[in-house]
Amino acid sequence: MTMKKFMFSFFILLLLTALKPSNAFAGNFPFTIDVNQADTSNISAIQVTLGSTDGASDLLSYTFIYDVKTGLPSGLAYERKNNNISLTLGSFTVRGAMYGTYVVKDKSGNTVVTKKFLYK
């Protein structure tokens, strides 16, 4: 085998190793999103939906109350550091794409931000 063929084979082996799923993703894994706002002082709630198709909420539909970290359903978590809010949405086995939306509400109940996200 020439050095060129050896290097190419070695590169392909490295590439396939890098693409192989790790054991950390076998089965369920926690799903977390970050909600970044310039100012969080007027936020009252963050409504989150997660579904197996766009617009669906078959996996999760929950409203997080601003800065409430206790009393959440099992698997959910709320964490805030300054203007970054991190929401753990539970553990899921990935079988395809997951579509989500979060809606940030202000203290008057008005929608401040609506964002869609996709995990695939």
PDB file of N, CA and C in Angstrom:
ATOM      1  N   MET A   1       0.857  -1.170   0.000  1.00  0.00           N
ATOM      2  CA  MET A   1       0.000   0.000   0.000  1.00  0.00           C
ATOM      3  C   MET A   1       0.904   1.234   0.000  1.00  0.00           C
ATOM      4  N   THR A   2       0.576   2.165  -0.873  1.00  0.00           N
ATOM      5  CA  THR A   2       1.381   3.389  -0.925  1.00  0.00           C
ATOM      6  C   THR A   2       1.019   4.291   0.244  1.00  0.00           C
ATOM      7  N   MET A   3       1.897   5.231   0.529  1.00  0.00           N
ATOM      8  CA  MET A   3       1.676   6.173   1.631  1.00  0.00           C
ATOM      9  C   MET A   3       0.408   7.003   1.376  1.00  0.00           C
ATOM     10  N   LYS A   4       0.159   7.344   0.131  1.00  0.00           N
ATOM     11  CA  LYS A   4      -1.020   8.144  -0.217  1.00  0.00           C
ATOM     12  C   LYS A   4      -2.306   7.371   0.097  1.00  0.00           C
ATOM     13  N   LYS A   5      -2.358   6.084  -0.290  1.00  0.00           N
ATOM     14  CA  LYS A   5      -3.536   5.258  -0.016  1.00  0.00           C
ATOM     15  C   LYS A   5      -3.700   5.036   1.482  1.00  0.00           C
ATOM     16  N   PHE A   6      -2.574   4.840   2.180  1.00  0.00           N
ATOM     17  CA  PHE A   6      -2.637   4.657   3.623  1.00  0.00           C
ATOM     18  C   PHE A   6      -3.217   5.898   4.303  1.00  0.00           C
ATOM     19  N   MET A   7      -2.752   7.085   3.922  1.00  0.00           N
ATOM     20  CA  MET A   7      -3.239   8.330   4.522  1.00  0.00           C
ATOM     21  C   MET A   7      -4.730   8.526   4.221  1.00  0.00           C
ATOM     22  N   PHE A   8      -5.148   8.194   2.998  1.00  0.00           N
ATOM     23  CA  PHE A   8      -6.558   8.317   2.644  1.00  0.00           C
ATOM     24  C   PHE A   8      -7.400   7.358   3.484  1.00  0.00           C
ATOM     25  N   SER A   9      -6.946   6.112   3.635  1.00  0.00           N
ATOM     26  CA  SER A   9      -7.675   5.125   4.445  1.00  0.00           C
ATOM     27  C   SER A   9      -7.744   5.565   5.903  1.00  0.00           C
ATOM     28  N   PHE A  10      -6.648   6.099   6.409  1.00  0.00           N
ATOM     29  CA  PHE A  10      -6.606   6.579   7.787  1.00  0.00           C
ATOM     30  C   PHE A  10      -7.583   7.740   7.971  1.00  0.00           C
ATOM     31  N   PHE A  11      -7.644   8.655   6.998  1.00  0.00           N
ATOM     32  CA  PHE A  11      -8.567   9.785   7.051  1.00  0.00           C
ATOM     33  C   PHE A  11     -10.019   9.292   7.068  1.00  0.00           C
ATOM     34  N   ILE A  12     -10.353   8.333   6.218  1.00  0.00           N
ATOM     35  CA  ILE A  12     -11.720   7.790   6.172  1.00  0.00           C
ATOM     36  C   ILE A  12     -12.061   7.134   7.508  1.00  0.00           C
ATOM     37  N   LEU A  13     -11.127   6.387   8.097  1.00  0.00           N
ATOM     38  CA  LEU A  13     -11.359   5.760   9.387  1.00  0.00           C
ATOM     39  C   LEU A  13     -11.624   6.813  10.464  1.00  0.00           C
ATOM     40  N   LEU A  14     -10.842   7.889  10.471  1.00  0.00           N
ATOM     41  CA  LEU A  14     -11.066   8.977  11.436  1.00  0.00           C
ATOM     42  C   LEU A  14     -12.430   9.626  11.228  1.00  0.00           C
ATOM     43  N   LEU A  15     -12.790   9.842   9.981  1.00  0.00           N
ATOM     44  CA  LEU A  15     -14.075  10.459   9.663  1.00  0.00           C
ATOM     45  C   LEU A  15     -15.229   9.581  10.131  1.00  0.00           C
ATOM     46  N   LEU A  16     -15.161   8.285   9.863  1.00  0.00           N
ATOM     47  CA  LEU A  16     -16.227   7.378  10.284  1.00  0.00           C
ATOM     48  C   LEU A  16     -16.303   7.288  11.802  1.00  0.00           C
ATOM     49  N   THR A  17     -15.177   7.331  12.480  1.00  0.00           N
ATOM     50  CA  THR A  17     -15.163   7.320  13.939  1.00  0.00           C
ATOM     51  C   THR A  17     -15.814   8.575  14.483  1.00  0.00           C
ATOM     52  N   ALA A  18     -15.542   9.706  13.867  1.00  0.00           N
ATOM     53  CA  ALA A  18     -16.121  10.973  14.316  1.00  0.00           C
ATOM     54  C   ALA A  18     -17.628  11.000  14.099  1.00  0.00           C
ATOM     55  N   LEU A  19     -18.115  10.337  13.041  1.00  0.00           N
ATOM     56  CA  LEU A  19     -19.544  10.346  12.738  1.00  0.00           C
ATOM     57  C   LEU A  19     -20.333   9.302  13.501  1.00  0.00           C
ATOM     58  N   LYS A  20     -19.638   8.331  14.088  1.00  0.00           N
ATOM     59  CA  LYS A  20     -20.320   7.278  14.826  1.00  0.00           C
ATOM     60  C   LYS A  20     -20.966   7.863  16.081  1.00  0.00           C
ATOM     61  N   PRO A  21     -22.253   7.600  16.333  1.00  0.00           N
ATOM     62  CA  PRO A  21     -22.889   8.149  17.530  1.00  0.00           C
ATOM     63  C   PRO A  21     -22.222   7.617  18.793  1.00  0.00           C
ATOM     64  N   SER A  22     -22.086   8.483  19.757  1.00  0.00           N
ATOM     65  CA  SER A  22     -21.489   8.049  21.022  1.00  0.00           C
ATOM     66  C   SER A  22     -22.551   7.411  21.895  1.00  0.00           C
ATOM     67  N   ASN A  23     -22.127   6.698  22.921  1.00  0.00           N
ATOM     68  CA  ASN A  23     -23.061   6.064  23.847  1.00  0.00           C
ATOM     69  C   ASN A  23     -23.892   7.090  24.597  1.00  0.00           C
ATOM     70  N   ALA A  24     -23.397   8.321  24.679  1.00  0.00           N
ATOM     71  CA  ALA A  24     -24.135   9.360  25.395  1.00  0.00           C
ATOM     72  C   ALA A  24     -25.480   9.633  24.722  1.00  0.00           C
ATOM     73  N   PHE A  25     -25.588   9.351  23.436  1.00  0.00           N
ATOM     74  CA  PHE A  25     -26.830   9.633  22.731  1.00  0.00           C
ATOM     75  C   PHE A  25     -27.668   8.381  22.495  1.00  0.00           C
ATOM     76  N   ALA A  26     -27.239   7.253  23.025  1.00  0.00           N
ATOM     77  CA  ALA A  26     -28.043   6.040  22.916  1.00  0.00           C
ATOM     78  C   ALA A  26     -29.157   6.128  23.953  1.00  0.00           C
ATOM     79  N   GLY A  27     -30.371   5.890  23.549  1.00  0.00           N
ATOM     80  CA  GLY A  27     -31.496   5.992  24.480  1.00  0.00           C
ATOM     81  C   GLY A  27     -31.920   7.433  24.675  1.00  0.00           C
ATOM     82  N   ASN A  28     -32.371   7.750  25.876  1.00  0.00           N
ATOM     83  CA  ASN A  28     -32.853   9.099  26.175  1.00  0.00           C
ATOM     84  C   ASN A  28     -31.697  10.033  26.515  1.00  0.00           C
ATOM     85  N   PHE A  29     -31.860  11.308  26.170  1.00  0.00           N
ATOM     86  CA  PHE A  29     -30.905  12.310  26.587  1.00  0.00           C
ATOM     87  C   PHE A  29     -31.656  13.596  26.913  1.00  0.00           C
ATOM     88  N   PRO A  30     -31.135  14.405  27.841  1.00  0.00           N
ATOM     89  CA  PRO A  30     -31.819  15.649  28.205  1.00  0.00           C
ATOM     90  C   PRO A  30     -31.754  16.667  27.072  1.00  0.00           C
ATOM     91  N   PHE A  31     -32.848  17.354  26.867  1.00  0.00           N
ATOM     92  CA  PHE A  31     -32.961  18.351  25.807  1.00  0.00           C
ATOM     93  C   PHE A  31     -33.092  19.722  26.453  1.00  0.00           C
ATOM     94  N   THR A  32     -32.161  20.620  26.158  1.00  0.00           N
ATOM     95  CA  THR A  32     -32.132  21.942  26.775  1.00  0.00           C
ATOM     96  C   THR A  32     -32.093  23.018  25.704  1.00  0.00           C
ATOM     97  N   ILE A  33     -32.818  24.115  25.938  1.00  0.00           N
ATOM     98  CA  ILE A  33     -32.748  25.274  25.054  1.00  0.00           C
ATOM     99  C   ILE A  33     -32.346  26.489  25.876  1.00  0.00           C
ATOM    100  N   ASP A  34     -31.716  27.445  25.226  1.00  0.00           N
ATOM    101  CA  ASP A  34     -31.348  28.703  25.866  1.00  0.00           C
ATOM    102  C   ASP A  34     -32.190  29.825  25.295  1.00  0.00           C
ATOM    103  N   VAL A  35     -32.747  30.628  26.180  1.00  0.00           N
ATOM    104  CA  VAL A  35     -33.539  31.794  25.795  1.00  0.00           C
ATOM    105  C   VAL A  35     -32.741  33.006  26.250  1.00  0.00           C
ATOM    106  N   ASN A  36     -32.198  33.746  25.295  1.00  0.00           N
ATOM    107  CA  ASN A  36     -31.393  34.919  25.611  1.00  0.00           C
ATOM    108  C   ASN A  36     -32.191  36.183  25.332  1.00  0.00           C
ATOM    109  N   GLN A  37     -32.283  37.053  26.318  1.00  0.00           N
ATOM    110  CA  GLN A  37     -33.009  38.300  26.180  1.00  0.00           C
ATOM    111  C   GLN A  37     -32.109  39.454  26.609  1.00  0.00           C
ATOM    112  N   ALA A  38     -32.227  40.600  25.950  1.00  0.00           N
ATOM    113  CA  ALA A  38     -31.442  41.770  26.336  1.00  0.00           C
ATOM    114  C   ALA A  38     -31.829  42.227  27.738  1.00  0.00           C
ATOM    115  N   ASP A  39     -33.120  42.059  28.071  1.00  0.00           N
ATOM    116  CA  ASP A  39     -33.622  42.469  29.385  1.00  0.00           C
ATOM    117  C   ASP A  39     -34.656  41.447  29.841  1.00  0.00           C
ATOM    118  N   THR A  40     -34.455  40.881  31.014  1.00  0.00           N
ATOM    119  CA  THR A  40     -35.393  39.877  31.510  1.00  0.00           C
ATOM    120  C   THR A  40     -36.293  40.415  32.616  1.00  0.00           C
ATOM    121  N   SER A  41     -36.167  41.693  32.945  1.00  0.00           N
ATOM    122  CA  SER A  41     -36.899  42.246  34.094  1.00  0.00           C
ATOM    123  C   SER A  41     -38.411  42.284  33.894  1.00  0.00           C
ATOM    124  N   ASN A  42     -38.888  42.256  32.660  1.00  0.00           N
ATOM    125  CA  ASN A  42     -40.326  42.352  32.400  1.00  0.00           C
ATOM    126  C   ASN A  42     -40.939  41.013  31.975  1.00  0.00           C
ATOM    127  N   ILE A  43     -40.163  39.928  32.020  1.00  0.00           N
ATOM    128  CA  ILE A  43     -40.666  38.616  31.607  1.00  0.00           C
ATOM    129  C   ILE A  43     -41.515  38.010  32.719  1.00  0.00           C
ATOM    130  N   SER A  44     -42.660  37.447  32.327  1.00  0.00           N
ATOM    131  CA  SER A  44     -43.502  36.747  33.305  1.00  0.00           C
ATOM    132  C   SER A  44     -43.516  35.243  33.070  1.00  0.00           C
ATOM    133  N   ALA A  45     -43.394  34.823  31.804  1.00  0.00           N
ATOM    134  CA  ALA A  45     -43.503  33.399  31.499  1.00  0.00           C
ATOM    135  C   ALA A  45     -42.874  33.090  30.150  1.00  0.00           C
ATOM    136  N   ILE A  46     -42.526  31.810  29.977  1.00  0.00           N
ATOM    137  CA  ILE A  46     -42.035  31.308  28.694  1.00  0.00           C
ATOM    138  C   ILE A  46     -42.830  30.041  28.380  1.00  0.00           C
ATOM    139  N   GLN A  47     -43.624  30.101  27.320  1.00  0.00           N
ATOM    140  CA  GLN A  47     -44.413  28.953  26.889  1.00  0.00           C
ATOM    141  C   GLN A  47     -43.595  28.162  25.880  1.00  0.00           C
ATOM    142  N   VAL A  48     -43.489  26.855  26.092  1.00  0.00           N
ATOM    143  CA  VAL A  48     -42.680  26.006  25.223  1.00  0.00           C
ATOM    144  C   VAL A  48     -43.515  24.847  24.709  1.00  0.00           C
ATOM    145  N   THR A  49     -43.410  24.584  23.417  1.00  0.00           N
ATOM    146  CA  THR A  49     -44.002  23.380  22.834  1.00  0.00           C
ATOM    147  C   THR A  49     -42.905  22.634  22.083  1.00  0.00           C
ATOM    148  N   LEU A  50     -43.014  21.335  22.079  1.00  0.00           N
ATOM    149  CA  LEU A  50     -42.063  20.482  21.375  1.00  0.00           C
ATOM    150  C   LEU A  50     -42.861  19.345  20.765  1.00  0.00           C
ATOM    151  N   GLY A  51     -42.654  19.129  19.463  1.00  0.00           N
ATOM    152  CA  GLY A  51     -43.432  18.106  18.783  1.00  0.00           C
ATOM    153  C   GLY A  51     -42.642  17.344  17.750  1.00  0.00           C
ATOM    154  N   SER A  52     -43.228  16.271  17.273  1.00  0.00           N
ATOM    155  CA  SER A  52     -42.581  15.439  16.264  1.00  0.00           C
ATOM    156  C   SER A  52     -42.813  15.971  14.850  1.00  0.00           C
ATOM    157  N   THR A  53     -43.713  16.959  14.702  1.00  0.00           N
ATOM    158  CA  THR A  53     -43.912  17.645  13.426  1.00  0.00           C
ATOM    159  C   THR A  53     -44.010  19.148  13.708  1.00  0.00           C
ATOM    160  N   ASP A  54     -43.812  19.950  12.690  1.00  0.00           N
ATOM    161  CA  ASP A  54     -43.857  21.402  12.849  1.00  0.00           C
ATOM    162  C   ASP A  54     -45.230  21.846  13.354  1.00  0.00           C
ATOM    163  N   GLY A  55     -45.236  22.590  14.445  1.00  0.00           N
ATOM    164  CA  GLY A  55     -46.474  23.091  15.025  1.00  0.00           C
ATOM    165  C   GLY A  55     -47.122  22.161  16.028  1.00  0.00           C
ATOM    166  N   ALA A  56     -46.612  20.939  16.161  1.00  0.00           N
ATOM    167  CA  ALA A  56     -47.193  19.968  17.087  1.00  0.00           C
ATOM    168  C   ALA A  56     -46.659  20.179  18.503  1.00  0.00           C
ATOM    169  N   SER A  57     -47.389  19.645  19.465  1.00  0.00           N
ATOM    170  CA  SER A  57     -46.956  19.697  20.863  1.00  0.00           C
ATOM    171  C   SER A  57     -47.120  18.330  21.516  1.00  0.00           C
ATOM    172  N   ASP A  58     -46.933  17.273  20.712  1.00  0.00           N
ATOM    173  CA  ASP A  58     -47.139  15.922  21.221  1.00  0.00           C
ATOM    174  C   ASP A  58     -46.044  15.461  22.195  1.00  0.00           C
ATOM    175  N   LEU A  59     -44.890  16.136  22.205  1.00  0.00           N
ATOM    176  CA  LEU A  59     -43.816  15.761  23.120  1.00  0.00           C
ATOM    177  C   LEU A  59     -43.826  16.600  24.399  1.00  0.00           C
ATOM    178  N   LEU A  60     -44.186  17.891  24.269  1.00  0.00           N
ATOM    179  CA  LEU A  60     -44.189  18.768  25.441  1.00  0.00           C
ATOM    180  C   LEU A  60     -45.001  20.025  25.154  1.00  0.00           C
ATOM    181  N   SER A  61     -45.754  20.435  26.139  1.00  0.00           N
ATOM    182  CA  SER A  61     -46.420  21.736  26.134  1.00  0.00           C
ATOM    183  C   SER A  61     -46.412  22.211  27.586  1.00  0.00           C
ATOM    184  N   TYR A  62     -45.608  23.233  27.864  1.00  0.00           N
ATOM    185  CA  TYR A  62     -45.459  23.676  29.248  1.00  0.00           C
ATOM    186  C   TYR A  62     -45.154  25.166  29.288  1.00  0.00           C
ATOM    187  N   THR A  63     -45.658  25.816  30.333  1.00  0.00           N
ATOM    188  CA  THR A  63     -45.369  27.230  30.556  1.00  0.00           C
ATOM    189  C   THR A  63     -44.492  27.358  31.791  1.00  0.00           C
ATOM    190  N   PHE A  64     -43.267  27.833  31.576  1.00  0.00           N
ATOM    191  CA  PHE A  64     -42.346  28.118  32.673  1.00  0.00           C
ATOM    192  C   PHE A  64     -42.647  29.511  33.203  1.00  0.00           C
ATOM    193  N   ILE A  65     -42.807  29.648  34.503  1.00  0.00           N
ATOM    194  CA  ILE A  65     -43.004  30.945  35.139  1.00  0.00           C
ATOM    195  C   ILE A  65     -41.625  31.524  35.434  1.00  0.00           C
ATOM    196  N   TYR A  66     -41.442  32.801  35.147  1.00  0.00           N
ATOM    197  CA  TYR A  66     -40.146  33.462  35.293  1.00  0.00           C
ATOM    198  C   TYR A  66     -39.556  33.244  36.685  1.00  0.00           C
ATOM    199  N   ASP A  67     -38.348  32.747  36.710  1.00  0.00           N
ATOM    200  CA  ASP A  67     -37.542  32.518  37.914  1.00  0.00           C
ATOM    201  C   ASP A  67     -38.129  31.504  38.908  1.00  0.00           C
ATOM    202  N   VAL A  68     -39.079  30.690  38.500  1.00  0.00           N
ATOM    203  CA  VAL A  68     -39.586  29.623  39.368  1.00  0.00           C
ATOM    204  C   VAL A  68     -38.834  28.340  39.016  1.00  0.00           C
ATOM    205  N   LYS A  69     -38.018  27.872  39.964  1.00  0.00           N
ATOM    206  CA  LYS A  69     -37.171  26.700  39.743  1.00  0.00           C
ATOM    207  C   LYS A  69     -37.672  25.455  40.453  1.00  0.00           C
ATOM    208  N   THR A  70     -38.635  25.609  41.340  1.00  0.00           N
ATOM    209  CA  THR A  70     -39.118  24.469  42.114  1.00  0.00           C
ATOM    210  C   THR A  70     -40.540  24.113  41.688  1.00  0.00           C
ATOM    211  N   GLY A  71     -40.933  22.881  41.994  1.00  0.00           N
ATOM    212  CA  GLY A  71     -42.292  22.442  41.678  1.00  0.00           C
ATOM    213  C   GLY A  71     -42.512  22.131  40.212  1.00  0.00           C
ATOM    214  N   LEU A  72     -41.433  22.001  39.448  1.00  0.00           N
ATOM    215  CA  LEU A  72     -41.563  21.690  38.026  1.00  0.00           C
ATOM    216  C   LEU A  72     -41.819  20.196  37.842  1.00  0.00           C
ATOM    217  N   PRO A  73     -42.502  19.827  36.768  1.00  0.00           N
ATOM    218  CA  PRO A  73     -42.700  18.399  36.494  1.00  0.00           C
ATOM    219  C   PRO A  73     -41.355  17.676  36.356  1.00  0.00           C
ATOM    220  N   SER A  74     -41.368  16.398  36.601  1.00  0.00           N
ATOM    221  CA  SER A  74     -40.163  15.586  36.509  1.00  0.00           C
ATOM    222  C   SER A  74     -39.497  15.747  35.143  1.00  0.00           C
ATOM    223  N   GLY A  75     -38.189  15.955  35.157  1.00  0.00           N
ATOM    224  CA  GLY A  75     -37.416  16.088  33.926  1.00  0.00           C
ATOM    225  C   GLY A  75     -37.264  17.507  33.435  1.00  0.00           C
ATOM    226  N   LEU A  76     -38.072  18.445  33.948  1.00  0.00           N
ATOM    227  CA  LEU A  76     -37.975  19.836  33.518  1.00  0.00           C
ATOM    228  C   LEU A  76     -37.119  20.616  34.511  1.00  0.00           C
ATOM    229  N   ALA A  77     -36.396  21.611  33.994  1.00  0.00           N
ATOM    230  CA  ALA A  77     -35.574  22.451  34.867  1.00  0.00           C
ATOM    231  C   ALA A  77     -35.505  23.860  34.301  1.00  0.00           C
ATOM    232  N   TYR A  78     -35.343  24.822  35.203  1.00  0.00           N
ATOM    233  CA  TYR A  78     -35.239  26.244  34.859  1.00  0.00           C
ATOM    234  C   TYR A  78     -33.983  26.783  35.528  1.00  0.00           C
ATOM    235  N   GLU A  79     -33.160  27.461  34.766  1.00  0.00           N
ATOM    236  CA  GLU A  79     -31.936  28.056  35.288  1.00  0.00           C
ATOM    237  C   GLU A  79     -31.754  29.414  34.628  1.00  0.00           C
ATOM    238  N   ARG A  80     -31.406  30.434  35.408  1.00  0.00           N
ATOM    239  CA  ARG A  80     -31.152  31.760  34.818  1.00  0.00           C
ATOM    240  C   ARG A  80     -29.843  32.309  35.349  1.00  0.00           C
ATOM    241  N   LYS A  81     -29.029  32.790  34.421  1.00  0.00           N
ATOM    242  CA  LYS A  81     -27.807  33.510  34.753  1.00  0.00           C
ATOM    243  C   LYS A  81     -27.861  34.815  33.973  1.00  0.00           C
ATOM    244  N   ASN A  82     -28.077  35.903  34.708  1.00  0.00           N
ATOM    245  CA  ASN A  82     -28.232  37.228  34.096  1.00  0.00           C
ATOM    246  C   ASN A  82     -29.373  37.196  33.078  1.00  0.00           C
ATOM    247  N   ASN A  83     -29.088  37.447  31.808  1.00  0.00           N
ATOM    248  CA  ASN A  83     -30.144  37.498  30.792  1.00  0.00           C
ATOM    249  C   ASN A  83     -30.245  36.218  29.966  1.00  0.00           C
ATOM    250  N   ASN A  84     -29.591  35.156  30.411  1.00  0.00           N
ATOM    251  CA  ASN A  84     -29.682  33.874  29.725  1.00  0.00           C
ATOM    252  C   ASN A  84     -30.510  32.904  30.570  1.00  0.00           C
ATOM    253  N   ILE A  85     -31.592  32.419  29.999  1.00  0.00           N
ATOM    254  CA  ILE A  85     -32.461  31.452  30.674  1.00  0.00           C
ATOM    255  C   ILE A  85     -32.282  30.111  29.965  1.00  0.00           C
ATOM    256  N   SER A  86     -31.922  29.096  30.731  1.00  0.00           N
ATOM    257  CA  SER A  86     -31.725  27.756  30.193  1.00  0.00           C
ATOM    258  C   SER A  86     -32.865  26.869  30.683  1.00  0.00           C
ATOM    259  N   LEU A  87     -33.566  26.249  29.732  1.00  0.00           N
ATOM    260  CA  LEU A  87     -34.718  25.404  30.049  1.00  0.00           C
ATOM    261  C   LEU A  87     -34.438  23.966  29.629  1.00  0.00           C
ATOM    262  N   THR A  88     -34.481  23.045  30.580  1.00  0.00           N
ATOM    263  CA  THR A  88     -34.388  21.622  30.260  1.00  0.00           C
ATOM    264  C   THR A  88     -35.811  21.129  30.041  1.00  0.00           C
ATOM    265  N   LEU A  89     -36.046  20.548  28.871  1.00  0.00           N
ATOM    266  CA  LEU A  89     -37.400  20.185  28.452  1.00  0.00           C
ATOM    267  C   LEU A  89     -37.718  18.710  28.637  1.00  0.00           C
ATOM    268  N   GLY A  90     -36.831  17.971  29.286  1.00  0.00           N
ATOM    269  CA  GLY A  90     -37.062  16.556  29.507  1.00  0.00           C
ATOM    270  C   GLY A  90     -36.053  15.731  28.752  1.00  0.00           C
ATOM    271  N   SER A  91     -36.226  14.424  28.791  1.00  0.00           N
ATOM    272  CA  SER A  91     -35.340  13.497  28.087  1.00  0.00           C
ATOM    273  C   SER A  91     -36.125  12.809  26.987  1.00  0.00           C
ATOM    274  N   PHE A  92     -35.487  12.703  25.832  1.00  0.00           N
ATOM    275  CA  PHE A  92     -36.157  12.147  24.669  1.00  0.00           C
ATOM    276  C   PHE A  92     -35.254  11.172  23.946  1.00  0.00           C
ATOM    277  N   THR A  93     -35.851  10.171  23.320  1.00  0.00           N
ATOM    278  CA  THR A  93     -35.149   9.301  22.399  1.00  0.00           C
ATOM    279  C   THR A  93     -35.366   9.889  21.022  1.00  0.00           C
ATOM    280  N   VAL A  94     -34.300  10.261  20.369  1.00  0.00           N
ATOM    281  CA  VAL A  94     -34.415  10.904  19.059  1.00  0.00           C
ATOM    282  C   VAL A  94     -34.723   9.852  18.007  1.00  0.00           C
ATOM    283  N   ARG A  95     -35.878  10.010  17.385  1.00  0.00           N
ATOM    284  CA  ARG A  95     -36.293   9.090  16.318  1.00  0.00           C
ATOM    285  C   ARG A  95     -36.439   9.839  15.003  1.00  0.00           C
ATOM    286  N   GLY A  96     -36.189  11.104  15.032  1.00  0.00           N
ATOM    287  CA  GLY A  96     -36.316  11.961  13.864  1.00  0.00           C
ATOM    288  C   GLY A  96     -36.235  13.392  14.323  1.00  0.00           C
ATOM    289  N   ALA A  97     -36.707  14.295  13.526  1.00  0.00           N
ATOM    290  CA  ALA A  97     -36.656  15.706  13.876  1.00  0.00           C
ATOM    291  C   ALA A  97     -37.619  16.025  15.016  1.00  0.00           C
ATOM    292  N   MET A  98     -37.224  16.993  15.840  1.00  0.00           N
ATOM    293  CA  MET A  98     -38.106  17.529  16.878  1.00  0.00           C
ATOM    294  C   MET A  98     -38.245  19.027  16.606  1.00  0.00           C
ATOM    295  N   TYR A  99     -39.484  19.485  16.563  1.00  0.00           N
ATOM    296  CA  TYR A  99     -39.792  20.876  16.265  1.00  0.00           C
ATOM    297  C   TYR A  99     -40.274  21.562  17.536  1.00  0.00           C
ATOM    298  N   GLY A 100     -39.781  22.754  17.768  1.00  0.00           N
ATOM    299  CA  GLY A 100     -40.185  23.450  18.975  1.00  0.00           C
ATOM    300  C   GLY A 100     -40.462  24.921  18.738  1.00  0.00           C
ATOM    301  N   THR A 101     -41.181  25.483  19.689  1.00  0.00           N
ATOM    302  CA  THR A 101     -41.456  26.915  19.695  1.00  0.00           C
ATOM    303  C   THR A 101     -41.403  27.374  21.134  1.00  0.00           C
ATOM    304  N   TYR A 102     -40.817  28.556  21.347  1.00  0.00           N
ATOM    305  CA  TYR A 102     -40.974  29.179  22.651  1.00  0.00           C
ATOM    306  C   TYR A 102     -41.503  30.583  22.464  1.00  0.00           C
ATOM    307  N   VAL A 103     -42.376  30.968  23.381  1.00  0.00           N
ATOM    308  CA  VAL A 103     -43.012  32.286  23.361  1.00  0.00           C
ATOM    309  C   VAL A 103     -42.730  32.952  24.698  1.00  0.00           C
ATOM    310  N   VAL A 104     -42.084  34.098  24.649  1.00  0.00           N
ATOM    311  CA  VAL A 104     -41.790  34.866  25.863  1.00  0.00           C
ATOM    312  C   VAL A 104     -42.915  35.872  26.073  1.00  0.00           C
ATOM    313  N   LYS A 105     -43.500  35.838  27.271  1.00  0.00           N
ATOM    314  CA  LYS A 105     -44.596  36.756  27.626  1.00  0.00           C
ATOM    315  C   LYS A 105     -44.100  37.774  28.647  1.00  0.00           C
ATOM    316  N   ASP A 106     -44.574  39.019  28.496  1.00  0.00           N
ATOM    317  CA  ASP A 106     -44.222  40.035  29.487  1.00  0.00           C
ATOM    318  C   ASP A 106     -45.232  40.028  30.628  1.00  0.00           C
ATOM    319  N   LYS A 107     -45.035  40.912  31.600  1.00  0.00           N
ATOM    320  CA  LYS A 107     -45.892  40.922  32.793  1.00  0.00           C
ATOM    321  C   LYS A 107     -47.329  41.323  32.493  1.00  0.00           C
ATOM    322  N   SER A 108     -47.584  41.915  31.323  1.00  0.00           N
ATOM    323  CA  SER A 108     -48.948  42.253  30.912  1.00  0.00           C
ATOM    324  C   SER A 108     -49.588  41.144  30.087  1.00  0.00           C
ATOM    325  N   GLY A 109     -48.833  40.063  29.840  1.00  0.00           N
ATOM    326  CA  GLY A 109     -49.362  38.946  29.056  1.00  0.00           C
ATOM    327  C   GLY A 109     -49.136  39.083  27.568  1.00  0.00           C
ATOM    328  N   ASN A 110     -48.441  40.139  27.146  1.00  0.00           N
ATOM    329  CA  ASN A 110     -48.155  40.340  25.729  1.00  0.00           C
ATOM    330  C   ASN A 110     -46.994  39.459  25.281  1.00  0.00           C
ATOM    331  N   THR A 111     -47.047  39.031  24.025  1.00  0.00           N
ATOM    332  CA  THR A 111     -45.950  38.264  23.454  1.00  0.00           C
ATOM    333  C   THR A 111     -44.808  39.205  23.121  1.00  0.00           C
ATOM    334  N   VAL A 112     -43.636  38.911  23.696  1.00  0.00           N
ATOM    335  CA  VAL A 112     -42.448  39.725  23.455  1.00  0.00           C
ATOM    336  C   VAL A 112     -41.620  39.111  22.331  1.00  0.00           C
ATOM    337  N   VAL A 113     -41.472  37.787  22.360  1.00  0.00           N
ATOM    338  CA  VAL A 113     -40.660  37.059  21.381  1.00  0.00           C
ATOM    339  C   VAL A 113     -41.317  35.718  21.096  1.00  0.00           C
ATOM    340  N   THR A 114     -41.318  35.332  19.835  1.00  0.00           N
ATOM    341  CA  THR A 114     -41.700  33.977  19.432  1.00  0.00           C
ATOM    342  C   THR A 114     -40.574  33.440  18.581  1.00  0.00           C
ATOM    343  N   LYS A 115     -40.042  32.285  18.977  1.00  0.00           N
ATOM    344  CA  LYS A 115     -38.946  31.664  18.210  1.00  0.00           C
ATOM    345  C   LYS A 115     -39.261  30.201  17.970  1.00  0.00           C
ATOM    346  N   LYS A 116     -38.951  29.753  16.763  1.00  0.00           N
ATOM    347  CA  LYS A 116     -39.063  28.335  16.431  1.00  0.00           C
ATOM    348  C   LYS A 116     -37.660  27.744  16.409  1.00  0.00           C
ATOM    349  N   PHE A 117     -37.560  26.461  16.752  1.00  0.00           N
ATOM    350  CA  PHE A 117     -36.282  25.784  16.675  1.00  0.00           C
ATOM    351  C   PHE A 117     -36.504  24.368  16.175  1.00  0.00           C
ATOM    352  N   LEU A 118     -35.460  23.790  15.636  1.00  0.00           N
ATOM    353  CA  LEU A 118     -35.536  22.449  15.059  1.00  0.00           C
ATOM    354  C   LEU A 118     -34.317  21.681  15.501  1.00  0.00           C
ATOM    355  N   TYR A 119     -34.538  20.448  15.955  1.00  0.00           N
ATOM    356  CA  TYR A 119     -33.446  19.548  16.280  1.00  0.00           C
ATOM    357  C   TYR A 119     -33.577  18.334  15.384  1.00  0.00           C
ATOM    358  N   LYS A 120     -32.530  18.052  14.621  1.00  0.00           N
ATOM    359  CA  LYS A 120     -32.560  16.838  13.779  1.00  0.00           C
ATOM    360  C   LYS A 120     -31.207  16.204  13.709  1.00  0.00           C
TER     361      LYS A 120
END
